[in-house]
Amino acid sequence: MKYVAKHGIDDLDRVKTVIEKAYDSYKERLSEYNPSLSWKDDRNATVSFTVMKKSLSTDFEITPDEVRIEGKIPFIFKPFESKIEKVVGGEVEKWIVKAKNGEL
């Protein structure tokens, strides 16, 4: 799974907050799947969870212009890959808009 969201935000720490807010918006709804967010450094994070004993993880990379999202989808979930991309990418884009509008 690959998705790129253009952010157009100069303050990359605000982009980090965008990712955290997007994660928080799903954390409660997906609590039964043990979601976790871990930062490798200031610009790279991994979100993971477990469904049907299968681990899914998505890496987020913040660049000066975009958030690059890349995930490892187990074969059993491949039919849902495009939907997962739209949900994850859409949530990040929603929070990018909020950041640009000063709502963060």
Protein backbone atom coordinates (compact mmCIF):
# COMPACT_ATOMS: atom_id res chain seq x y z
CA MET A 1 0.00 0.00 0.00
CA LYS A 2 1.33 3.44 -0.94
CA TYR A 3 -0.23 6.86 -0.53
CA VAL A 4 1.17 10.37 -0.74
CA ALA A 5 -0.55 13.36 0.86
CA LYS A 6 0.79 16.82 -0.05
CA HIS A 7 0.75 18.99 3.06
CA GLY A 8 2.12 22.45 2.16
CA ILE A 9 2.91 23.15 5.83
CA ASP A 10 6.24 24.82 6.66
CA ASP A 11 6.32 23.69 10.30
CA LEU A 12 7.08 19.97 10.10
CA ASP A 13 6.28 19.55 13.80
CA ARG A 14 2.68 20.51 12.91
CA VAL A 15 2.74 17.77 10.28
CA LYS A 16 3.81 15.34 13.03
CA THR A 17 0.79 16.53 15.02
CA VAL A 18 -1.39 15.84 11.96
CA ILE A 19 -0.29 12.20 11.98
CA GLU A 20 -0.87 11.93 15.73
CA LYS A 21 -4.37 13.42 15.43
CA ALA A 22 -5.24 11.11 12.52
CA TYR A 23 -4.08 8.15 14.62
CA ASP A 24 -6.00 9.34 17.68
CA SER A 25 -9.20 9.61 15.65
CA TYR A 26 -9.07 5.87 14.92
CA LYS A 27 -7.42 4.61 18.11
CA GLU A 28 -10.66 4.26 20.07
CA ARG A 29 -12.69 2.85 17.18
CA LEU A 30 -10.00 0.24 16.51
CA SER A 31 -9.13 -0.48 20.15
CA GLU A 32 -9.99 -4.17 19.82
CA TYR A 33 -7.15 -4.46 17.26
CA ASN A 34 -4.48 -3.13 19.65
CA PRO A 35 -3.37 -0.13 17.59
CA SER A 36 -0.04 1.50 18.35
CA LEU A 37 1.87 4.51 17.08
CA SER A 38 5.62 4.61 17.49
CA TRP A 39 7.99 7.32 16.32
CA LYS A 40 11.37 6.14 15.00
CA ASP A 41 12.54 9.77 14.90
CA ASP A 42 10.96 13.20 14.35
CA ARG A 43 9.95 12.43 10.76
CA ASN A 44 9.22 8.68 10.66
CA ALA A 45 6.50 6.74 12.44
CA THR A 46 4.85 3.35 12.29
CA VAL A 47 1.21 2.59 13.05
CA SER A 48 0.40 -1.06 13.58
CA PHE A 49 -2.50 -3.22 14.66
CA THR A 50 -3.60 -6.86 14.58
CA VAL A 51 -6.65 -8.25 12.80
CA MET A 52 -7.47 -11.96 12.73
CA LYS A 53 -4.03 -12.71 14.21
CA LYS A 54 -2.40 -10.88 11.29
CA SER A 55 -0.24 -7.83 11.90
CA LEU A 56 -0.69 -4.79 9.71
CA SER A 57 1.74 -1.90 9.81
CA THR A 58 1.92 1.41 8.03
CA ASP A 59 4.99 3.62 7.87
CA PHE A 60 4.66 7.40 7.73
CA GLU A 61 7.47 9.61 6.47
CA ILE A 62 7.29 13.40 6.72
CA THR A 63 9.14 15.26 3.99
CA PRO A 64 9.20 19.04 3.43
CA ASP A 65 6.27 18.73 0.96
CA GLU A 66 4.34 15.56 1.72
CA VAL A 67 3.47 12.70 4.02
CA ARG A 68 4.44 9.40 2.45
CA ILE A 69 2.44 6.44 3.68
CA GLU A 70 3.53 2.90 2.93
CA GLY A 71 2.06 -0.23 4.44
CA LYS A 72 2.53 -3.95 4.46
CA ILE A 73 -0.79 -5.68 3.79
CA PRO A 74 -1.03 -9.43 4.45
CA PHE A 75 -2.25 -11.41 1.45
CA ILE A 76 -5.61 -12.17 3.08
CA PHE A 77 -6.39 -8.41 3.18
CA LYS A 78 -5.23 -7.57 -0.38
CA PRO A 79 -8.83 -7.25 -1.65
CA PHE A 80 -9.29 -4.36 0.81
CA GLU A 81 -6.01 -2.59 0.02
CA SER A 82 -7.48 0.30 -1.97
CA LYS A 83 -10.12 0.92 0.69
CA ILE A 84 -7.45 0.92 3.42
CA GLU A 85 -5.39 3.42 1.37
CA LYS A 86 -8.39 5.73 1.01
CA VAL A 87 -9.28 5.55 4.69
CA VAL A 88 -5.75 6.13 5.99
CA GLY A 89 -4.85 8.74 3.37
CA GLY A 90 -8.20 10.48 3.70
CA GLU A 91 -7.84 10.80 7.46
CA VAL A 92 -4.36 12.32 7.11
CA GLU A 93 -5.61 14.74 4.45
CA LYS A 94 -8.55 15.75 6.66
CA TRP A 95 -6.14 16.68 9.47
CA ILE A 96 -3.83 18.50 7.03
CA VAL A 97 -6.77 20.75 6.13
CA LYS A 98 -7.49 21.35 9.82
CA ALA A 99 -3.83 22.26 10.42
CA LYS A 100 -3.88 24.71 7.52
CA ASN A 101 -7.08 26.26 8.88
CA GLY A 102 -5.47 26.77 12.29
CA GLU A 103 -7.62 24.14 14.00
CA LEU A 104 -4.59 22.38 15.55
